[in-house]
């Protein structure tokens, strides 16, 4: 996945209190657009341009660092 494929990276603890976020995630799940990349309780989620939502275990800060490192490596 490239950074241009990503719309946003969100922390579940900070965003799931909102009924709008819960509705968005519920709708994505009902449409079969949620994928889990977490073996345990997810800490964040990534929203992609293709309307996929990926639940992840790493924090948002760790995901941003990984993307920055990937962009530096791929130049």
PDB file of N, CA and C in Angstrom:
ATOM      1  N   UNK A   1       0.839  -1.174   0.000  1.00  0.00           N
ATOM      2  CA  UNK A   1       0.000   0.000   0.000  1.00  0.00           C
ATOM      3  C   UNK A   1       0.884   1.238   0.000  1.00  0.00           C
ATOM      4  N   UNK A   2       0.525   2.187  -0.804  1.00  0.00           N
ATOM      5  CA  UNK A   2       1.270   3.441  -0.918  1.00  0.00           C
ATOM      6  C   UNK A   2       0.503   4.541  -0.184  1.00  0.00           C
ATOM      7  N   UNK A   3       1.213   5.569   0.207  1.00  0.00           N
ATOM      8  CA  UNK A   3       0.581   6.651   0.963  1.00  0.00           C
ATOM      9  C   UNK A   3      -0.542   7.329   0.179  1.00  0.00           C
ATOM     10  N   UNK A   4      -0.446   7.365  -1.142  1.00  0.00           N
ATOM     11  CA  UNK A   4      -1.507   8.004  -1.927  1.00  0.00           C
ATOM     12  C   UNK A   4      -2.805   7.185  -1.919  1.00  0.00           C
ATOM     13  N   UNK A   5      -2.736   5.932  -1.478  1.00  0.00           N
ATOM     14  CA  UNK A   5      -3.922   5.091  -1.356  1.00  0.00           C
ATOM     15  C   UNK A   5      -4.679   5.342  -0.057  1.00  0.00           C
ATOM     16  N   UNK A   6      -4.062   6.085   0.852  1.00  0.00           N
ATOM     17  CA  UNK A   6      -4.608   6.275   2.193  1.00  0.00           C
ATOM     18  C   UNK A   6      -5.288   7.631   2.312  1.00  0.00           C
ATOM     19  N   UNK A   7      -6.512   7.621   2.797  1.00  0.00           N
ATOM     20  CA  UNK A   7      -7.238   8.860   3.071  1.00  0.00           C
ATOM     21  C   UNK A   7      -6.910   9.347   4.475  1.00  0.00           C
ATOM     22  N   UNK A   8      -6.852   8.422   5.440  1.00  0.00           N
ATOM     23  CA  UNK A   8      -6.559   8.828   6.808  1.00  0.00           C
ATOM     24  C   UNK A   8      -6.226   7.659   7.700  1.00  0.00           C
ATOM     25  N   UNK A   9      -5.527   7.970   8.787  1.00  0.00           N
ATOM     26  CA  UNK A   9      -5.171   6.993   9.812  1.00  0.00           C
ATOM     27  C   UNK A   9      -5.743   7.527  11.119  1.00  0.00           C
ATOM     28  N   UNK A  10      -6.536   6.710  11.799  1.00  0.00           N
ATOM     29  CA  UNK A  10      -7.277   7.180  12.958  1.00  0.00           C
ATOM     30  C   UNK A  10      -7.081   6.275  14.171  1.00  0.00           C
ATOM     31  N   UNK A  11      -7.011   6.874  15.328  1.00  0.00           N
ATOM     32  CA  UNK A  11      -6.899   6.157  16.593  1.00  0.00           C
ATOM     33  C   UNK A  11      -8.305   5.736  17.034  1.00  0.00           C
ATOM     34  N   UNK A  12      -8.503   4.450  17.276  1.00  0.00           N
ATOM     35  CA  UNK A  12      -9.829   3.964  17.656  1.00  0.00           C
ATOM     36  C   UNK A  12     -10.300   4.526  18.988  1.00  0.00           C
ATOM     37  N   UNK A  13      -9.403   4.639  19.970  1.00  0.00           N
ATOM     38  CA  UNK A  13      -9.807   5.157  21.280  1.00  0.00           C
ATOM     39  C   UNK A  13     -10.306   6.594  21.186  1.00  0.00           C
ATOM     40  N   UNK A  14      -9.670   7.399  20.362  1.00  0.00           N
ATOM     41  CA  UNK A  14     -10.038   8.815  20.271  1.00  0.00           C
ATOM     42  C   UNK A  14     -11.209   9.084  19.334  1.00  0.00           C
ATOM     43  N   UNK A  15     -11.501   8.173  18.431  1.00  0.00           N
ATOM     44  CA  UNK A  15     -12.559   8.439  17.454  1.00  0.00           C
ATOM     45  C   UNK A  15     -13.821   7.619  17.661  1.00  0.00           C
ATOM     46  N   UNK A  16     -13.737   6.480  18.325  1.00  0.00           N
ATOM     47  CA  UNK A  16     -14.905   5.598  18.422  1.00  0.00           C
ATOM     48  C   UNK A  16     -15.972   6.105  19.381  1.00  0.00           C
ATOM     49  N   UNK A  17     -15.681   7.161  20.139  1.00  0.00           N
ATOM     50  CA  UNK A  17     -16.722   7.724  21.008  1.00  0.00           C
ATOM     51  C   UNK A  17     -17.794   8.443  20.186  1.00  0.00           C
ATOM     52  N   UNK A  18     -17.466   8.842  18.984  1.00  0.00           N
ATOM     53  CA  UNK A  18     -18.392   9.580  18.133  1.00  0.00           C
ATOM     54  C   UNK A  18     -19.372   8.629  17.441  1.00  0.00           C
ATOM     55  N   UNK A  19     -20.653   8.979  17.490  1.00  0.00           N
ATOM     56  CA  UNK A  19     -21.645   8.155  16.799  1.00  0.00           C
ATOM     57  C   UNK A  19     -21.420   8.168  15.293  1.00  0.00           C
ATOM     58  N   UNK A  20     -20.836   9.249  14.764  1.00  0.00           N
ATOM     59  CA  UNK A  20     -20.547   9.306  13.331  1.00  0.00           C
ATOM     60  C   UNK A  20     -19.481   8.284  12.943  1.00  0.00           C
ATOM     61  N   UNK A  21     -18.436   8.181  13.749  1.00  0.00           N
ATOM     62  CA  UNK A  21     -17.382   7.197  13.473  1.00  0.00           C
ATOM     63  C   UNK A  21     -17.931   5.786  13.614  1.00  0.00           C
ATOM     64  N   UNK A  22     -18.686   5.546  14.672  1.00  0.00           N
ATOM     65  CA  UNK A  22     -19.275   4.213  14.865  1.00  0.00           C
ATOM     66  C   UNK A  22     -20.184   3.863  13.691  1.00  0.00           C
ATOM     67  N   UNK A  23     -20.968   4.830  13.212  1.00  0.00           N
ATOM     68  CA  UNK A  23     -21.831   4.598  12.054  1.00  0.00           C
ATOM     69  C   UNK A  23     -21.042   4.320  10.791  1.00  0.00           C
ATOM     70  N   UNK A  24     -19.954   5.072  10.598  1.00  0.00           N
ATOM     71  CA  UNK A  24     -19.089   4.858   9.434  1.00  0.00           C
ATOM     72  C   UNK A  24     -18.499   3.453   9.455  1.00  0.00           C
ATOM     73  N   UNK A  25     -17.950   3.049  10.607  1.00  0.00           N
ATOM     74  CA  UNK A  25     -17.333   1.726  10.715  1.00  0.00           C
ATOM     75  C   UNK A  25     -18.372   0.620  10.576  1.00  0.00           C
ATOM     76  N   UNK A  26     -19.539   0.824  11.145  1.00  0.00           N
ATOM     77  CA  UNK A  26     -20.609  -0.168  11.027  1.00  0.00           C
ATOM     78  C   UNK A  26     -21.054  -0.327   9.573  1.00  0.00           C
ATOM     79  N   UNK A  27     -21.210   0.791   8.875  1.00  0.00           N
ATOM     80  CA  UNK A  27     -21.595   0.744   7.462  1.00  0.00           C
ATOM     81  C   UNK A  27     -20.545   0.054   6.614  1.00  0.00           C
ATOM     82  N   UNK A  28     -19.272   0.356   6.881  1.00  0.00           N
ATOM     83  CA  UNK A  28     -18.184  -0.290   6.135  1.00  0.00           C
ATOM     84  C   UNK A  28     -18.187  -1.796   6.387  1.00  0.00           C
ATOM     85  N   UNK A  29     -18.458  -2.179   7.620  1.00  0.00           N
ATOM     86  CA  UNK A  29     -18.502  -3.602   7.946  1.00  0.00           C
ATOM     87  C   UNK A  29     -19.676  -4.285   7.242  1.00  0.00           C
ATOM     88  N   UNK A  30     -20.824  -3.644   7.216  1.00  0.00           N
ATOM     89  CA  UNK A  30     -22.000  -4.213   6.545  1.00  0.00           C
ATOM     90  C   UNK A  30     -21.766  -4.371   5.038  1.00  0.00           C
ATOM     91  N   UNK A  31     -20.973  -3.490   4.449  1.00  0.00           N
ATOM     92  CA  UNK A  31     -20.665  -3.577   3.017  1.00  0.00           C
ATOM     93  C   UNK A  31     -19.496  -4.517   2.737  1.00  0.00           C
ATOM     94  N   UNK A  32     -18.948  -5.115   3.777  1.00  0.00           N
ATOM     95  CA  UNK A  32     -17.835  -6.045   3.601  1.00  0.00           C
ATOM     96  C   UNK A  32     -16.525  -5.351   3.283  1.00  0.00           C
ATOM     97  N   UNK A  33     -16.374  -4.096   3.706  1.00  0.00           N
ATOM     98  CA  UNK A  33     -15.188  -3.311   3.378  1.00  0.00           C
ATOM     99  C   UNK A  33     -14.174  -3.235   4.522  1.00  0.00           C
ATOM    100  N   UNK A  34     -14.425  -3.941   5.626  1.00  0.00           N
ATOM    101  CA  UNK A  34     -13.507  -3.909   6.767  1.00  0.00           C
ATOM    102  C   UNK A  34     -12.618  -5.141   6.729  1.00  0.00           C
ATOM    103  N   UNK A  35     -11.310  -4.902   6.836  1.00  0.00           N
ATOM    104  CA  UNK A  35     -10.327  -5.978   6.898  1.00  0.00           C
ATOM    105  C   UNK A  35      -9.541  -5.808   8.187  1.00  0.00           C
ATOM    106  N   UNK A  36      -9.224  -6.907   8.816  1.00  0.00           N
ATOM    107  CA  UNK A  36      -8.455  -6.830  10.051  1.00  0.00           C
ATOM    108  C   UNK A  36      -7.025  -7.283   9.808  1.00  0.00           C
ATOM    109  N   UNK A  37      -6.090  -6.438  10.228  1.00  0.00           N
ATOM    110  CA  UNK A  37      -4.675  -6.784  10.187  1.00  0.00           C
ATOM    111  C   UNK A  37      -4.159  -6.886  11.619  1.00  0.00           C
ATOM    112  N   UNK A  38      -5.074  -7.057  12.564  1.00  0.00           N
ATOM    113  CA  UNK A  38      -4.723  -7.116  13.981  1.00  0.00           C
ATOM    114  C   UNK A  38      -5.004  -8.512  14.521  1.00  0.00           C
ATOM    115  N   UNK A  39      -4.028  -9.052  15.225  1.00  0.00           N
ATOM    116  CA  UNK A  39      -4.224 -10.346  15.868  1.00  0.00           C
ATOM    117  C   UNK A  39      -4.914 -10.190  17.213  1.00  0.00           C
ATOM    118  N   UNK A  40      -4.831  -9.006  17.781  1.00  0.00           N
ATOM    119  CA  UNK A  40      -5.423  -8.712  19.073  1.00  0.00           C
ATOM    120  C   UNK A  40      -6.375  -7.530  18.898  1.00  0.00           C
ATOM    121  N   UNK A  41      -6.699  -6.841  19.946  1.00  0.00           N
ATOM    122  CA  UNK A  41      -7.596  -5.699  19.878  1.00  0.00           C
ATOM    123  C   UNK A  41      -6.950  -4.587  19.044  1.00  0.00           C
ATOM    124  N   UNK A  42      -7.636  -4.114  18.001  1.00  0.00           N
ATOM    125  CA  UNK A  42      -7.051  -3.069  17.166  1.00  0.00           C
ATOM    126  C   UNK A  42      -6.951  -1.741  17.908  1.00  0.00           C
ATOM    127  N   UNK A  43      -5.908  -0.974  17.593  1.00  0.00           N
ATOM    128  CA  UNK A  43      -5.696   0.333  18.203  1.00  0.00           C
ATOM    129  C   UNK A  43      -6.009   1.461  17.239  1.00  0.00           C
ATOM    130  N   UNK A  44      -5.977   1.164  15.946  1.00  0.00           N
ATOM    131  CA  UNK A  44      -6.214   2.214  14.960  1.00  0.00           C
ATOM    132  C   UNK A  44      -6.861   1.618  13.719  1.00  0.00           C
ATOM    133  N   UNK A  45      -7.301   2.511  12.836  1.00  0.00           N
ATOM    134  CA  UNK A  45      -7.831   2.041  11.563  1.00  0.00           C
ATOM    135  C   UNK A  45      -7.392   2.984  10.458  1.00  0.00           C
ATOM    136  N   UNK A  46      -7.258   2.403   9.269  1.00  0.00           N
ATOM    137  CA  UNK A  46      -6.809   3.136   8.091  1.00  0.00           C
ATOM    138  C   UNK A  46      -7.958   3.133   7.090  1.00  0.00           C
ATOM    139  N   UNK A  47      -8.291   4.321   6.575  1.00  0.00           N
ATOM    140  CA  UNK A  47      -9.322   4.445   5.550  1.00  0.00           C
ATOM    141  C   UNK A  47      -8.608   4.651   4.221  1.00  0.00           C
ATOM    142  N   UNK A  48      -8.928   3.790   3.257  1.00  0.00           N
ATOM    143  CA  UNK A  48      -8.263   3.817   1.950  1.00  0.00           C
ATOM    144  C   UNK A  48      -9.193   4.377   0.872  1.00  0.00           C
ATOM    145  N   UNK A  49      -8.587   4.815  -0.216  1.00  0.00           N
ATOM    146  CA  UNK A  49      -9.347   5.400  -1.334  1.00  0.00           C
ATOM    147  C   UNK A  49     -10.350   4.427  -1.946  1.00  0.00           C
ATOM    148  N   UNK A  50     -10.043   3.136  -1.890  1.00  0.00           N
ATOM    149  CA  UNK A  50     -10.958   2.143  -2.466  1.00  0.00           C
ATOM    150  C   UNK A  50     -12.094   1.778  -1.507  1.00  0.00           C
ATOM    151  N   UNK A  51     -12.285   2.591  -0.457  1.00  0.00           N
ATOM    152  CA  UNK A  51     -13.334   2.445   0.547  1.00  0.00           C
ATOM    153  C   UNK A  51     -13.103   1.280   1.501  1.00  0.00           C
ATOM    154  N   UNK A  52     -11.897   0.734   1.514  1.00  0.00           N
ATOM    155  CA  UNK A  52     -11.540  -0.305   2.461  1.00  0.00           C
ATOM    156  C   UNK A  52     -11.136   0.340   3.778  1.00  0.00           C
ATOM    157  N   UNK A  53     -11.528  -0.297   4.875  1.00  0.00           N
ATOM    158  CA  UNK A  53     -11.115   0.121   6.215  1.00  0.00           C
ATOM    159  C   UNK A  53     -10.292  -1.019   6.786  1.00  0.00           C
ATOM    160  N   UNK A  54      -9.067  -0.715   7.193  1.00  0.00           N
ATOM    161  CA  UNK A  54      -8.173  -1.740   7.735  1.00  0.00           C
ATOM    162  C   UNK A  54      -7.972  -1.483   9.216  1.00  0.00           C
ATOM    163  N   UNK A  55      -8.347  -2.458  10.038  1.00  0.00           N
ATOM    164  CA  UNK A  55      -8.124  -2.378  11.479  1.00  0.00           C
ATOM    165  C   UNK A  55      -6.715  -2.871  11.769  1.00  0.00           C
ATOM    166  N   UNK A  56      -5.954  -2.090  12.545  1.00  0.00           N
ATOM    167  CA  UNK A  56      -4.562  -2.435  12.801  1.00  0.00           C
ATOM    168  C   UNK A  56      -4.232  -2.359  14.282  1.00  0.00           C
ATOM    169  N   UNK A  57      -3.194  -3.085  14.667  1.00  0.00           N
ATOM    170  CA  UNK A  57      -2.742  -3.071  16.043  1.00  0.00           C
ATOM    171  C   UNK A  57      -1.756  -1.946  16.340  1.00  0.00           C
ATOM    172  N   UNK A  58      -0.866  -1.582  15.413  1.00  0.00           N
ATOM    173  CA  UNK A  58       0.071  -0.491  15.714  1.00  0.00           C
ATOM    174  C   UNK A  58      -0.668   0.835  15.938  1.00  0.00           C
ATOM    175  N   UNK A  59      -0.060   1.698  16.705  1.00  0.00           N
ATOM    176  CA  UNK A  59      -0.627   3.022  16.955  1.00  0.00           C
ATOM    177  C   UNK A  59      -0.579   3.862  15.678  1.00  0.00           C
ATOM    178  N   UNK A  60      -1.324   4.947  15.682  1.00  0.00           N
ATOM    179  CA  UNK A  60      -1.305   5.846  14.527  1.00  0.00           C
ATOM    180  C   UNK A  60       0.099   6.405  14.306  1.00  0.00           C
ATOM    181  N   UNK A  61       0.806   6.730  15.385  1.00  0.00           N
ATOM    182  CA  UNK A  61       2.173   7.270  15.249  1.00  0.00           C
ATOM    183  C   UNK A  61       3.095   6.253  14.591  1.00  0.00           C
ATOM    184  N   UNK A  62       2.986   4.988  14.967  1.00  0.00           N
ATOM    185  CA  UNK A  62       3.829   3.945  14.373  1.00  0.00           C
ATOM    186  C   UNK A  62       3.503   3.772  12.890  1.00  0.00           C
ATOM    187  N   UNK A  63       2.231   3.832  12.542  1.00  0.00           N
ATOM    188  CA  UNK A  63       1.840   3.694  11.134  1.00  0.00           C
ATOM    189  C   UNK A  63       2.357   4.859  10.294  1.00  0.00           C
ATOM    190  N   UNK A  64       2.280   6.057  10.840  1.00  0.00           N
ATOM    191  CA  UNK A  64       2.794   7.227  10.116  1.00  0.00           C
ATOM    192  C   UNK A  64       4.300   7.103   9.907  1.00  0.00           C
ATOM    193  N   UNK A  65       5.018   6.670  10.938  1.00  0.00           N
ATOM    194  CA  UNK A  65       6.475   6.467  10.802  1.00  0.00           C
ATOM    195  C   UNK A  65       6.786   5.448   9.715  1.00  0.00           C
ATOM    196  N   UNK A  66       6.030   4.360   9.680  1.00  0.00           N
ATOM    197  CA  UNK A  66       6.255   3.330   8.665  1.00  0.00           C
ATOM    198  C   UNK A  66       6.025   3.888   7.262  1.00  0.00           C
ATOM    199  N   UNK A  67       4.975   4.678   7.098  1.00  0.00           N
ATOM    200  CA  UNK A  67       4.722   5.275   5.790  1.00  0.00           C
ATOM    201  C   UNK A  67       5.820   6.232   5.391  1.00  0.00           C
ATOM    202  N   UNK A  68       6.283   7.042   6.342  1.00  0.00           N
ATOM    203  CA  UNK A  68       7.379   7.971   6.047  1.00  0.00           C
ATOM    204  C   UNK A  68       8.642   7.222   5.657  1.00  0.00           C
ATOM    205  N   UNK A  69       8.946   6.149   6.373  1.00  0.00           N
ATOM    206  CA  UNK A  69      10.124   5.338   6.036  1.00  0.00           C
ATOM    207  C   UNK A  69       9.966   4.694   4.669  1.00  0.00           C
ATOM    208  N   UNK A  70       8.786   4.221   4.355  1.00  0.00           N
ATOM    209  CA  UNK A  70       8.527   3.608   3.052  1.00  0.00           C
ATOM    210  C   UNK A  70       8.713   4.627   1.934  1.00  0.00           C
ATOM    211  N   UNK A  71       8.224   5.843   2.139  1.00  0.00           N
ATOM    212  CA  UNK A  71       8.376   6.875   1.111  1.00  0.00           C
ATOM    213  C   UNK A  71       9.836   7.257   0.923  1.00  0.00           C
ATOM    214  N   UNK A  72      10.613   7.320   2.020  1.00  0.00           N
ATOM    215  CA  UNK A  72      12.040   7.617   1.903  1.00  0.00           C
ATOM    216  C   UNK A  72      12.772   6.525   1.142  1.00  0.00           C
ATOM    217  N   UNK A  73      12.390   5.280   1.412  1.00  0.00           N
ATOM    218  CA  UNK A  73      13.049   4.126   0.775  1.00  0.00           C
ATOM    219  C   UNK A  73      12.691   4.060  -0.709  1.00  0.00           C
ATOM    220  N   UNK A  74      11.422   4.335  -1.017  1.00  0.00           N
ATOM    221  CA  UNK A  74      10.971   4.233  -2.413  1.00  0.00           C
ATOM    222  C   UNK A  74      11.249   5.507  -3.208  1.00  0.00           C
ATOM    223  N   UNK A  75      11.702   6.523  -2.520  1.00  0.00           N
ATOM    224  CA  UNK A  75      12.172   7.738  -3.119  1.00  0.00           C
ATOM    225  C   UNK A  75      11.273   8.607  -3.817  1.00  0.00           C
TER     226      UNK A  75
END
